């Protein structure tokens, strides 16, 4: 189950993604330009593909994992295979660019945190 979120959802709604398929974590892909997030699913690449189908641009998409039951900054892990993008200066699964991380966090704060 992958859904594109463009309006704020409640913590209860977010927790509905747990167990589908991960019990403690929800995968996400954020479009930092459009300000939307694709939540859920087994692979970040599936959420990325859905966003690309909806007209998002690859260069604006960054993935990670959200742990709803953890406190504070520990809730967000900025790691995903789709983040490996040497052409954008990101050579690892972890999103290293602090500006891009901040933009991802802004979208997550606005829509789900």
PDB file of N, CA and C in Angstrom:
ATOM      1  N   UNK A   1       0.849  -1.181   0.000  1.00  0.00           N
ATOM      2  CA  UNK A   1       0.000   0.000   0.000  1.00  0.00           C
ATOM      3  C   UNK A   1       0.894   1.243   0.000  1.00  0.00           C
ATOM      4  N   UNK A   2       0.862   1.988  -1.070  1.00  0.00           N
ATOM      5  CA  UNK A   2       1.586   3.255  -1.166  1.00  0.00           C
ATOM      6  C   UNK A   2       0.563   4.336  -1.463  1.00  0.00           C
ATOM      7  N   UNK A   3       0.629   5.411  -0.683  1.00  0.00           N
ATOM      8  CA  UNK A   3      -0.287   6.529  -0.905  1.00  0.00           C
ATOM      9  C   UNK A   3       0.512   7.822  -0.998  1.00  0.00           C
ATOM     10  N   UNK A   4       0.068   8.682  -1.894  1.00  0.00           N
ATOM     11  CA  UNK A   4       0.667  10.009  -2.003  1.00  0.00           C
ATOM     12  C   UNK A   4      -0.103  10.938  -1.077  1.00  0.00           C
ATOM     13  N   UNK A   5       0.632  11.585  -0.191  1.00  0.00           N
ATOM     14  CA  UNK A   5       0.038  12.469   0.803  1.00  0.00           C
ATOM     15  C   UNK A   5       0.357  13.914   0.419  1.00  0.00           C
ATOM     16  N   UNK A   6      -0.691  14.707   0.285  1.00  0.00           N
ATOM     17  CA  UNK A   6      -0.498  16.126  -0.046  1.00  0.00           C
ATOM     18  C   UNK A   6      -1.138  17.043   0.989  1.00  0.00           C
ATOM     19  N   UNK A   7      -1.917  16.434   1.901  1.00  0.00           N
ATOM     20  CA  UNK A   7      -2.538  17.179   2.997  1.00  0.00           C
ATOM     21  C   UNK A   7      -2.213  16.463   4.300  1.00  0.00           C
ATOM     22  N   UNK A   8      -2.127  17.227   5.353  1.00  0.00           N
ATOM     23  CA  UNK A   8      -1.725  16.693   6.660  1.00  0.00           C
ATOM     24  C   UNK A   8      -2.592  15.507   7.075  1.00  0.00           C
ATOM     25  N   UNK A   9      -1.910  14.468   7.592  1.00  0.00           N
ATOM     26  CA  UNK A   9      -2.624  13.321   8.145  1.00  0.00           C
ATOM     27  C   UNK A   9      -2.331  13.237   9.641  1.00  0.00           C
ATOM     28  N   UNK A  10      -3.196  12.577  10.357  1.00  0.00           N
ATOM     29  CA  UNK A  10      -3.061  12.443  11.808  1.00  0.00           C
ATOM     30  C   UNK A  10      -2.033  11.364  12.146  1.00  0.00           C
ATOM     31  N   UNK A  11      -1.514  11.400  13.373  1.00  0.00           N
ATOM     32  CA  UNK A  11      -0.614  10.326  13.809  1.00  0.00           C
ATOM     33  C   UNK A  11      -1.276   8.951  13.723  1.00  0.00           C
ATOM     34  N   UNK A  12      -2.561   8.894  13.985  1.00  0.00           N
ATOM     35  CA  UNK A  12      -3.288   7.629  13.896  1.00  0.00           C
ATOM     36  C   UNK A  12      -3.309   7.117  12.458  1.00  0.00           C
ATOM     37  N   UNK A  13      -3.519   8.020  11.517  1.00  0.00           N
ATOM     38  CA  UNK A  13      -3.533   7.639  10.100  1.00  0.00           C
ATOM     39  C   UNK A  13      -2.149   7.144   9.677  1.00  0.00           C
ATOM     40  N   UNK A  14      -1.106   7.818  10.154  1.00  0.00           N
ATOM     41  CA  UNK A  14       0.257   7.388   9.855  1.00  0.00           C
ATOM     42  C   UNK A  14       0.494   5.975  10.373  1.00  0.00           C
ATOM     43  N   UNK A  15       0.030   5.687  11.567  1.00  0.00           N
ATOM     44  CA  UNK A  15       0.253   4.371  12.168  1.00  0.00           C
ATOM     45  C   UNK A  15      -0.490   3.256  11.429  1.00  0.00           C
ATOM     46  N   UNK A  16      -1.474   3.617  10.610  1.00  0.00           N
ATOM     47  CA  UNK A  16      -2.164   2.609   9.802  1.00  0.00           C
ATOM     48  C   UNK A  16      -1.235   1.983   8.765  1.00  0.00           C
ATOM     49  N   UNK A  17      -0.126   2.669   8.457  1.00  0.00           N
ATOM     50  CA  UNK A  17       0.842   2.141   7.500  1.00  0.00           C
ATOM     51  C   UNK A  17       1.733   1.067   8.135  1.00  0.00           C
ATOM     52  N   UNK A  18       1.801   1.024   9.455  1.00  0.00           N
ATOM     53  CA  UNK A  18       2.621   0.022  10.139  1.00  0.00           C
ATOM     54  C   UNK A  18       2.057  -1.372   9.899  1.00  0.00           C
ATOM     55  N   UNK A  19       2.957  -2.306   9.725  1.00  0.00           N
ATOM     56  CA  UNK A  19       2.546  -3.681   9.464  1.00  0.00           C
ATOM     57  C   UNK A  19       2.257  -3.952   8.004  1.00  0.00           C
ATOM     58  N   UNK A  20       2.501  -2.955   7.149  1.00  0.00           N
ATOM     59  CA  UNK A  20       2.194  -3.090   5.722  1.00  0.00           C
ATOM     60  C   UNK A  20       3.393  -2.680   4.886  1.00  0.00           C
ATOM     61  N   UNK A  21       4.512  -3.309   4.872  1.00  0.00           N
ATOM     62  CA  UNK A  21       4.809  -4.607   5.462  1.00  0.00           C
ATOM     63  C   UNK A  21       5.643  -4.552   6.739  1.00  0.00           C
ATOM     64  N   UNK A  22       6.124  -3.394   7.159  1.00  0.00           N
ATOM     65  CA  UNK A  22       7.052  -3.322   8.295  1.00  0.00           C
ATOM     66  C   UNK A  22       6.321  -2.946   9.573  1.00  0.00           C
ATOM     67  N   UNK A  23       6.656  -3.622  10.671  1.00  0.00           N
ATOM     68  CA  UNK A  23       5.917  -3.433  11.918  1.00  0.00           C
ATOM     69  C   UNK A  23       6.264  -2.142  12.652  1.00  0.00           C
ATOM     70  N   UNK A  24       7.467  -1.614  12.442  1.00  0.00           N
ATOM     71  CA  UNK A  24       7.891  -0.434  13.204  1.00  0.00           C
ATOM     72  C   UNK A  24       8.289   0.757  12.345  1.00  0.00           C
ATOM     73  N   UNK A  25       8.212   0.617  11.029  1.00  0.00           N
ATOM     74  CA  UNK A  25       8.735   1.628  10.132  1.00  0.00           C
ATOM     75  C   UNK A  25       7.875   1.781   8.888  1.00  0.00           C
ATOM     76  N   UNK A  26       7.848   3.018   8.362  1.00  0.00           N
ATOM     77  CA  UNK A  26       7.135   3.325   7.125  1.00  0.00           C
ATOM     78  C   UNK A  26       8.139   3.953   6.161  1.00  0.00           C
ATOM     79  N   UNK A  27       8.233   3.400   4.972  1.00  0.00           N
ATOM     80  CA  UNK A  27       9.117   3.984   3.962  1.00  0.00           C
ATOM     81  C   UNK A  27       8.453   5.238   3.398  1.00  0.00           C
ATOM     82  N   UNK A  28       9.299   6.232   3.054  1.00  0.00           N
ATOM     83  CA  UNK A  28       8.766   7.444   2.435  1.00  0.00           C
ATOM     84  C   UNK A  28       9.670   7.908   1.307  1.00  0.00           C
ATOM     85  N   UNK A  29       9.061   8.598   0.352  1.00  0.00           N
ATOM     86  CA  UNK A  29       9.786   9.329  -0.684  1.00  0.00           C
ATOM     87  C   UNK A  29       9.134  10.697  -0.766  1.00  0.00           C
ATOM     88  N   UNK A  30       9.956  11.733  -0.603  1.00  0.00           N
ATOM     89  CA  UNK A  30       9.476  13.108  -0.597  1.00  0.00           C
ATOM     90  C   UNK A  30       9.874  13.795  -1.895  1.00  0.00           C
ATOM     91  N   UNK A  31       8.937  14.548  -2.471  1.00  0.00           N
ATOM     92  CA  UNK A  31       9.255  15.482  -3.546  1.00  0.00           C
ATOM     93  C   UNK A  31       9.458  16.838  -2.887  1.00  0.00           C
ATOM     94  N   UNK A  32      10.708  17.307  -2.843  1.00  0.00           N
ATOM     95  CA  UNK A  32      11.022  18.535  -2.112  1.00  0.00           C
ATOM     96  C   UNK A  32      10.551  19.794  -2.837  1.00  0.00           C
ATOM     97  N   UNK A  33      10.184  19.674  -4.098  1.00  0.00           N
ATOM     98  CA  UNK A  33       9.653  20.831  -4.836  1.00  0.00           C
ATOM     99  C   UNK A  33       8.134  20.912  -4.726  1.00  0.00           C
ATOM    100  N   UNK A  34       7.459  19.796  -4.938  1.00  0.00           N
ATOM    101  CA  UNK A  34       5.989  19.786  -4.894  1.00  0.00           C
ATOM    102  C   UNK A  34       5.449  19.714  -3.477  1.00  0.00           C
ATOM    103  N   UNK A  35       6.295  19.308  -2.522  1.00  0.00           N
ATOM    104  CA  UNK A  35       5.851  19.244  -1.135  1.00  0.00           C
ATOM    105  C   UNK A  35       4.887  18.117  -0.855  1.00  0.00           C
ATOM    106  N   UNK A  36       5.088  16.971  -1.528  1.00  0.00           N
ATOM    107  CA  UNK A  36       4.255  15.797  -1.295  1.00  0.00           C
ATOM    108  C   UNK A  36       5.148  14.651  -0.858  1.00  0.00           C
ATOM    109  N   UNK A  37       4.523  13.632  -0.267  1.00  0.00           N
ATOM    110  CA  UNK A  37       5.262  12.456   0.166  1.00  0.00           C
ATOM    111  C   UNK A  37       4.474  11.201  -0.211  1.00  0.00           C
ATOM    112  N   UNK A  38       5.197  10.205  -0.722  1.00  0.00           N
ATOM    113  CA  UNK A  38       4.611   8.891  -0.953  1.00  0.00           C
ATOM    114  C   UNK A  38       4.989   8.033   0.254  1.00  0.00           C
ATOM    115  N   UNK A  39       3.991   7.465   0.893  1.00  0.00           N
ATOM    116  CA  UNK A  39       4.201   6.659   2.101  1.00  0.00           C
ATOM    117  C   UNK A  39       3.845   5.208   1.844  1.00  0.00           C
ATOM    118  N   UNK A  40       4.625   4.326   2.477  1.00  0.00           N
ATOM    119  CA  UNK A  40       4.280   2.919   2.476  1.00  0.00           C
ATOM    120  C   UNK A  40       5.020   2.108   1.433  1.00  0.00           C
ATOM    121  N   UNK A  41       4.680   0.848   1.410  1.00  0.00           N
ATOM    122  CA  UNK A  41       5.275  -0.071   0.466  1.00  0.00           C
ATOM    123  C   UNK A  41       6.524  -0.747   0.999  1.00  0.00           C
ATOM    124  N   UNK A  42       7.025  -1.672   0.196  1.00  0.00           N
ATOM    125  CA  UNK A  42       8.191  -2.456   0.582  1.00  0.00           C
ATOM    126  C   UNK A  42       9.486  -1.840   0.077  1.00  0.00           C
ATOM    127  N   UNK A  43       9.434  -1.170  -1.071  1.00  0.00           N
ATOM    128  CA  UNK A  43      10.630  -0.591  -1.683  1.00  0.00           C
ATOM    129  C   UNK A  43      10.443   0.903  -1.944  1.00  0.00           C
ATOM    130  N   UNK A  44      11.479   1.669  -1.652  1.00  0.00           N
ATOM    131  CA  UNK A  44      11.434   3.101  -1.975  1.00  0.00           C
ATOM    132  C   UNK A  44      11.230   3.302  -3.475  1.00  0.00           C
ATOM    133  N   UNK A  45      11.799   2.412  -4.268  1.00  0.00           N
ATOM    134  CA  UNK A  45      11.695   2.567  -5.721  1.00  0.00           C
ATOM    135  C   UNK A  45      10.251   2.479  -6.213  1.00  0.00           C
ATOM    136  N   UNK A  46       9.397   1.737  -5.513  1.00  0.00           N
ATOM    137  CA  UNK A  46       7.980   1.669  -5.894  1.00  0.00           C
ATOM    138  C   UNK A  46       7.289   3.009  -5.640  1.00  0.00           C
ATOM    139  N   UNK A  47       7.591   3.624  -4.495  1.00  0.00           N
ATOM    140  CA  UNK A  47       7.024   4.937  -4.185  1.00  0.00           C
ATOM    141  C   UNK A  47       7.574   5.989  -5.151  1.00  0.00           C
ATOM    142  N   UNK A  48       8.857   5.877  -5.457  1.00  0.00           N
ATOM    143  CA  UNK A  48       9.482   6.782  -6.416  1.00  0.00           C
ATOM    144  C   UNK A  48       8.795   6.667  -7.776  1.00  0.00           C
ATOM    145  N   UNK A  49       8.542   5.445  -8.233  1.00  0.00           N
ATOM    146  CA  UNK A  49       7.887   5.225  -9.526  1.00  0.00           C
ATOM    147  C   UNK A  49       6.491   5.840  -9.553  1.00  0.00           C
ATOM    148  N   UNK A  50       5.764   5.705  -8.462  1.00  0.00           N
ATOM    149  CA  UNK A  50       4.427   6.289  -8.380  1.00  0.00           C
ATOM    150  C   UNK A  50       4.489   7.809  -8.504  1.00  0.00           C
ATOM    151  N   UNK A  51       5.431   8.426  -7.811  1.00  0.00           N
ATOM    152  CA  UNK A  51       5.581   9.883  -7.893  1.00  0.00           C
ATOM    153  C   UNK A  51       6.008  10.314  -9.290  1.00  0.00           C
ATOM    154  N   UNK A  52       6.885   9.550  -9.922  1.00  0.00           N
ATOM    155  CA  UNK A  52       7.299   9.874 -11.297  1.00  0.00           C
ATOM    156  C   UNK A  52       6.112   9.793 -12.256  1.00  0.00           C
ATOM    157  N   UNK A  53       5.251   8.798 -12.061  1.00  0.00           N
ATOM    158  CA  UNK A  53       4.035   8.664 -12.878  1.00  0.00           C
ATOM    159  C   UNK A  53       3.127   9.879 -12.722  1.00  0.00           C
ATOM    160  N   UNK A  54       3.162  10.503 -11.544  1.00  0.00           N
ATOM    161  CA  UNK A  54       2.308  11.663 -11.260  1.00  0.00           C
ATOM    162  C   UNK A  54       2.970  12.982 -11.663  1.00  0.00           C
ATOM    163  N   UNK A  55       4.113  12.902 -12.356  1.00  0.00           N
ATOM    164  CA  UNK A  55       4.731  14.104 -12.883  1.00  0.00           C
ATOM    165  C   UNK A  55       5.859  14.699 -12.057  1.00  0.00           C
ATOM    166  N   UNK A  56       6.256  14.020 -10.998  1.00  0.00           N
ATOM    167  CA  UNK A  56       7.390  14.508 -10.202  1.00  0.00           C
ATOM    168  C   UNK A  56       8.685  14.264 -10.970  1.00  0.00           C
ATOM    169  N   UNK A  57       9.688  15.041 -10.652  1.00  0.00           N
ATOM    170  CA  UNK A  57      10.994  14.908 -11.281  1.00  0.00           C
ATOM    171  C   UNK A  57      11.954  14.158 -10.372  1.00  0.00           C
ATOM    172  N   UNK A  58      12.724  13.242 -10.959  1.00  0.00           N
ATOM    173  CA  UNK A  58      13.675  12.419 -10.212  1.00  0.00           C
ATOM    174  C   UNK A  58      14.586  13.249  -9.325  1.00  0.00           C
ATOM    175  N   UNK A  59      15.078  14.370  -9.819  1.00  0.00           N
ATOM    176  CA  UNK A  59      16.046  15.173  -9.063  1.00  0.00           C
ATOM    177  C   UNK A  59      15.474  15.733  -7.765  1.00  0.00           C
ATOM    178  N   UNK A  60      14.152  15.755  -7.644  1.00  0.00           N
ATOM    179  CA  UNK A  60      13.493  16.297  -6.454  1.00  0.00           C
ATOM    180  C   UNK A  60      13.068  15.227  -5.444  1.00  0.00           C
ATOM    181  N   UNK A  61      13.329  13.963  -5.749  1.00  0.00           N
ATOM    182  CA  UNK A  61      12.839  12.857  -4.919  1.00  0.00           C
ATOM    183  C   UNK A  61      13.943  12.304  -4.036  1.00  0.00           C
ATOM    184  N   UNK A  62      13.641  12.214  -2.746  1.00  0.00           N
ATOM    185  CA  UNK A  62      14.579  11.674  -1.761  1.00  0.00           C
ATOM    186  C   UNK A  62      13.819  10.743  -0.829  1.00  0.00           C
ATOM    187  N   UNK A  63      14.451   9.616  -0.486  1.00  0.00           N
ATOM    188  CA  UNK A  63      13.773   8.615   0.318  1.00  0.00           C
ATOM    189  C   UNK A  63      14.371   8.423   1.692  1.00  0.00           C
ATOM    190  N   UNK A  64      13.586   7.756   2.520  1.00  0.00           N
ATOM    191  CA  UNK A  64      14.026   7.436   3.870  1.00  0.00           C
ATOM    192  C   UNK A  64      13.007   6.562   4.569  1.00  0.00           C
ATOM    193  N   UNK A  65      13.223   6.414   5.854  1.00  0.00           N
ATOM    194  CA  UNK A  65      12.347   5.587   6.675  1.00  0.00           C
ATOM    195  C   UNK A  65      11.893   6.389   7.889  1.00  0.00           C
ATOM    196  N   UNK A  66      10.656   6.205   8.233  1.00  0.00           N
ATOM    197  CA  UNK A  66      10.066   6.911   9.362  1.00  0.00           C
ATOM    198  C   UNK A  66       9.647   5.890  10.414  1.00  0.00           C
ATOM    199  N   UNK A  67      10.069   6.140  11.655  1.00  0.00           N
ATOM    200  CA  UNK A  67       9.739   5.280  12.788  1.00  0.00           C
ATOM    201  C   UNK A  67       8.784   6.053  13.691  1.00  0.00           C
ATOM    202  N   UNK A  68       7.468   5.914  13.488  1.00  0.00           N
ATOM    203  CA  UNK A  68       6.487   6.733  14.202  1.00  0.00           C
ATOM    204  C   UNK A  68       6.540   6.643  15.722  1.00  0.00           C
ATOM    205  N   UNK A  69       6.996   5.525  16.261  1.00  0.00           N
ATOM    206  CA  UNK A  69       6.985   5.358  17.711  1.00  0.00           C
ATOM    207  C   UNK A  69       8.257   5.836  18.408  1.00  0.00           C
ATOM    208  N   UNK A  70       9.232   6.288  17.637  1.00  0.00           N
ATOM    209  CA  UNK A  70      10.462   6.816  18.237  1.00  0.00           C
ATOM    210  C   UNK A  70      10.311   8.317  18.481  1.00  0.00           C
ATOM    211  N   UNK A  71      11.001   8.829  19.500  1.00  0.00           N
ATOM    212  CA  UNK A  71      10.896  10.259  19.798  1.00  0.00           C
ATOM    213  C   UNK A  71      11.847  11.114  18.957  1.00  0.00           C
ATOM    214  N   UNK A  72      11.461  12.369  18.759  1.00  0.00           N
ATOM    215  CA  UNK A  72      12.334  13.388  18.186  1.00  0.00           C
ATOM    216  C   UNK A  72      12.932  13.056  16.841  1.00  0.00           C
ATOM    217  N   UNK A  73      14.175  13.512  16.665  1.00  0.00           N
ATOM    218  CA  UNK A  73      14.865  13.365  15.389  1.00  0.00           C
ATOM    219  C   UNK A  73      15.161  11.915  15.037  1.00  0.00           C
ATOM    220  N   UNK A  74      15.129  11.024  16.005  1.00  0.00           N
ATOM    221  CA  UNK A  74      15.365   9.610  15.749  1.00  0.00           C
ATOM    222  C   UNK A  74      14.280   8.953  14.924  1.00  0.00           C
ATOM    223  N   UNK A  75      13.199   9.667  14.724  1.00  0.00           N
ATOM    224  CA  UNK A  75      12.083   9.122  13.940  1.00  0.00           C
ATOM    225  C   UNK A  75      12.411   9.012  12.460  1.00  0.00           C
ATOM    226  N   UNK A  76      13.314   9.864  11.975  1.00  0.00           N
ATOM    227  CA  UNK A  76      13.596   9.931  10.543  1.00  0.00           C
ATOM    228  C   UNK A  76      14.999   9.395  10.263  1.00  0.00           C
ATOM    229  N   UNK A  77      15.079   8.452   9.325  1.00  0.00           N
ATOM    230  CA  UNK A  77      16.357   7.945   8.838  1.00  0.00           C
ATOM    231  C   UNK A  77      16.391   8.249   7.343  1.00  0.00           C
ATOM    232  N   UNK A  78      17.370   9.037   6.933  1.00  0.00           N
ATOM    233  CA  UNK A  78      17.465   9.515   5.550  1.00  0.00           C
ATOM    234  C   UNK A  78      18.285   8.549   4.700  1.00  0.00           C
ATOM    235  N   UNK A  79      17.883   7.287   4.655  1.00  0.00           N
ATOM    236  CA  UNK A  79      18.628   6.265   3.939  1.00  0.00           C
ATOM    237  C   UNK A  79      17.716   5.533   2.969  1.00  0.00           C
ATOM    238  N   UNK A  80      18.158   5.444   1.717  1.00  0.00           N
ATOM    239  CA  UNK A  80      17.405   4.747   0.688  1.00  0.00           C
ATOM    240  C   UNK A  80      18.297   4.508  -0.520  1.00  0.00           C
ATOM    241  N   UNK A  81      18.061   3.437  -1.215  1.00  0.00           N
ATOM    242  CA  UNK A  81      18.794   3.176  -2.456  1.00  0.00           C
ATOM    243  C   UNK A  81      18.574   4.291  -3.478  1.00  0.00           C
ATOM    244  N   UNK A  82      17.390   4.884  -3.493  1.00  0.00           N
ATOM    245  CA  UNK A  82      17.124   5.925  -4.497  1.00  0.00           C
ATOM    246  C   UNK A  82      17.939   7.190  -4.243  1.00  0.00           C
ATOM    247  N   UNK A  83      18.536   7.293  -3.063  1.00  0.00           N
ATOM    248  CA  UNK A  83      19.352   8.466  -2.743  1.00  0.00           C
ATOM    249  C   UNK A  83      20.740   8.398  -3.361  1.00  0.00           C
ATOM    250  N   UNK A  84      21.151   7.237  -3.853  1.00  0.00           N
ATOM    251  CA  UNK A  84      22.458   7.129  -4.497  1.00  0.00           C
ATOM    252  C   UNK A  84      22.356   7.851  -5.833  1.00  0.00           C
ATOM    253  N   UNK A  85      22.954   9.025  -5.870  1.00  0.00           N
ATOM    254  CA  UNK A  85      22.849   9.884  -7.049  1.00  0.00           C
ATOM    255  C   UNK A  85      24.148  10.671  -7.210  1.00  0.00           C
ATOM    256  N   UNK A  86      25.183  10.032  -7.739  1.00  0.00           N
ATOM    257  CA  UNK A  86      26.467  10.720  -7.888  1.00  0.00           C
ATOM    258  C   UNK A  86      26.372  12.027  -8.672  1.00  0.00           C
ATOM    259  N   UNK A  87      25.494  12.085  -9.654  1.00  0.00           N
ATOM    260  CA  UNK A  87      25.363  13.317 -10.447  1.00  0.00           C
ATOM    261  C   UNK A  87      24.880  14.496  -9.614  1.00  0.00           C
ATOM    262  N   UNK A  88      24.228  14.203  -8.493  1.00  0.00           N
ATOM    263  CA  UNK A  88      23.751  15.256  -7.585  1.00  0.00           C
ATOM    264  C   UNK A  88      24.679  15.390  -6.376  1.00  0.00           C
ATOM    265  N   UNK A  89      25.825  14.701  -6.423  1.00  0.00           N
ATOM    266  CA  UNK A  89      26.783  14.786  -5.330  1.00  0.00           C
ATOM    267  C   UNK A  89      26.476  13.879  -4.151  1.00  0.00           C
ATOM    268  N   UNK A  90      25.513  12.992  -4.296  1.00  0.00           N
ATOM    269  CA  UNK A  90      25.171  12.068  -3.206  1.00  0.00           C
ATOM    270  C   UNK A  90      25.586  10.664  -3.628  1.00  0.00           C
ATOM    271  N   UNK A  91      26.688  10.186  -3.074  1.00  0.00           N
ATOM    272  CA  UNK A  91      27.264   8.911  -3.486  1.00  0.00           C
ATOM    273  C   UNK A  91      26.927   7.759  -2.543  1.00  0.00           C
ATOM    274  N   UNK A  92      26.049   7.981  -1.595  1.00  0.00           N
ATOM    275  CA  UNK A  92      25.695   6.913  -0.655  1.00  0.00           C
ATOM    276  C   UNK A  92      24.177   6.810  -0.523  1.00  0.00           C
ATOM    277  N   UNK A  93      23.753   5.779   0.164  1.00  0.00           N
ATOM    278  CA  UNK A  93      22.323   5.606   0.413  1.00  0.00           C
ATOM    279  C   UNK A  93      21.789   6.686   1.351  1.00  0.00           C
ATOM    280  N   UNK A  94      22.657   7.216   2.190  1.00  0.00           N
ATOM    281  CA  UNK A  94      22.240   8.270   3.116  1.00  0.00           C
ATOM    282  C   UNK A  94      22.243   9.612   2.399  1.00  0.00           C
ATOM    283  N   UNK A  95      21.179  10.362   2.577  1.00  0.00           N
ATOM    284  CA  UNK A  95      21.099  11.709   2.028  1.00  0.00           C
ATOM    285  C   UNK A  95      22.024  12.593   2.845  1.00  0.00           C
ATOM    286  N   UNK A  96      23.114  13.007   2.244  1.00  0.00           N
ATOM    287  CA  UNK A  96      24.151  13.754   2.958  1.00  0.00           C
ATOM    288  C   UNK A  96      23.951  15.266   2.892  1.00  0.00           C
ATOM    289  N   UNK A  97      23.339  15.763   1.832  1.00  0.00           N
ATOM    290  CA  UNK A  97      23.178  17.202   1.635  1.00  0.00           C
ATOM    291  C   UNK A  97      22.249  17.776   2.705  1.00  0.00           C
ATOM    292  N   UNK A  98      22.790  18.631   3.562  1.00  0.00           N
ATOM    293  CA  UNK A  98      22.020  19.185   4.684  1.00  0.00           C
ATOM    294  C   UNK A  98      20.834  20.036   4.219  1.00  0.00           C
ATOM    295  N   UNK A  99      20.986  20.748   3.115  1.00  0.00           N
ATOM    296  CA  UNK A  99      19.867  21.561   2.607  1.00  0.00           C
ATOM    297  C   UNK A  99      18.730  20.668   2.124  1.00  0.00           C
ATOM    298  N   UNK A 100      19.069  19.608   1.409  1.00  0.00           N
ATOM    299  CA  UNK A 100      18.041  18.675   0.937  1.00  0.00           C
ATOM    300  C   UNK A 100      17.377  17.968   2.122  1.00  0.00           C
ATOM    301  N   UNK A 101      18.176  17.581   3.115  1.00  0.00           N
ATOM    302  CA  UNK A 101      17.606  16.946   4.316  1.00  0.00           C
ATOM    303  C   UNK A 101      16.623  17.885   5.013  1.00  0.00           C
ATOM    304  N   UNK A 102      17.010  19.149   5.107  1.00  0.00           N
ATOM    305  CA  UNK A 102      16.128  20.136   5.747  1.00  0.00           C
ATOM    306  C   UNK A 102      14.829  20.283   4.969  1.00  0.00           C
ATOM    307  N   UNK A 103      14.918  20.249   3.646  1.00  0.00           N
ATOM    308  CA  UNK A 103      13.703  20.371   2.829  1.00  0.00           C
ATOM    309  C   UNK A 103      12.812  19.141   2.975  1.00  0.00           C
ATOM    310  N   UNK A 104      13.420  17.961   3.069  1.00  0.00           N
ATOM    311  CA  UNK A 104      12.647  16.740   3.319  1.00  0.00           C
ATOM    312  C   UNK A 104      11.935  16.864   4.659  1.00  0.00           C
ATOM    313  N   UNK A 105      12.653  17.300   5.665  1.00  0.00           N
ATOM    314  CA  UNK A 105      12.076  17.439   7.016  1.00  0.00           C
ATOM    315  C   UNK A 105      10.925  18.426   7.028  1.00  0.00           C
ATOM    316  N   UNK A 106      11.051  19.532   6.296  1.00  0.00           N
ATOM    317  CA  UNK A 106       9.962  20.518   6.225  1.00  0.00           C
ATOM    318  C   UNK A 106       8.689  19.865   5.682  1.00  0.00           C
ATOM    319  N   UNK A 107       8.825  19.080   4.614  1.00  0.00           N
ATOM    320  CA  UNK A 107       7.658  18.409   4.029  1.00  0.00           C
ATOM    321  C   UNK A 107       7.075  17.404   5.023  1.00  0.00           C
ATOM    322  N   UNK A 108       7.927  16.615   5.650  1.00  0.00           N
ATOM    323  CA  UNK A 108       7.446  15.634   6.624  1.00  0.00           C
ATOM    324  C   UNK A 108       6.756  16.322   7.796  1.00  0.00           C
ATOM    325  N   UNK A 109       7.351  17.405   8.311  1.00  0.00           N
ATOM    326  CA  UNK A 109       6.735  18.151   9.416  1.00  0.00           C
ATOM    327  C   UNK A 109       5.364  18.675   9.022  1.00  0.00           C
ATOM    328  N   UNK A 110       5.258  19.170   7.829  1.00  0.00           N
ATOM    329  CA  UNK A 110       4.003  19.762   7.357  1.00  0.00           C
ATOM    330  C   UNK A 110       2.897  18.715   7.180  1.00  0.00           C
ATOM    331  N   UNK A 111       3.278  17.533   6.707  1.00  0.00           N
ATOM    332  CA  UNK A 111       2.263  16.541   6.321  1.00  0.00           C
ATOM    333  C   UNK A 111       2.026  15.412   7.311  1.00  0.00           C
ATOM    334  N   UNK A 112       3.072  15.005   8.045  1.00  0.00           N
ATOM    335  CA  UNK A 112       2.861  13.799   8.856  1.00  0.00           C
ATOM    336  C   UNK A 112       3.449  13.824  10.258  1.00  0.00           C
ATOM    337  N   UNK A 113       4.320  14.734  10.582  1.00  0.00           N
ATOM    338  CA  UNK A 113       4.943  14.695  11.914  1.00  0.00           C
ATOM    339  C   UNK A 113       4.267  15.637  12.881  1.00  0.00           C
TER     340      UNK A 113
END
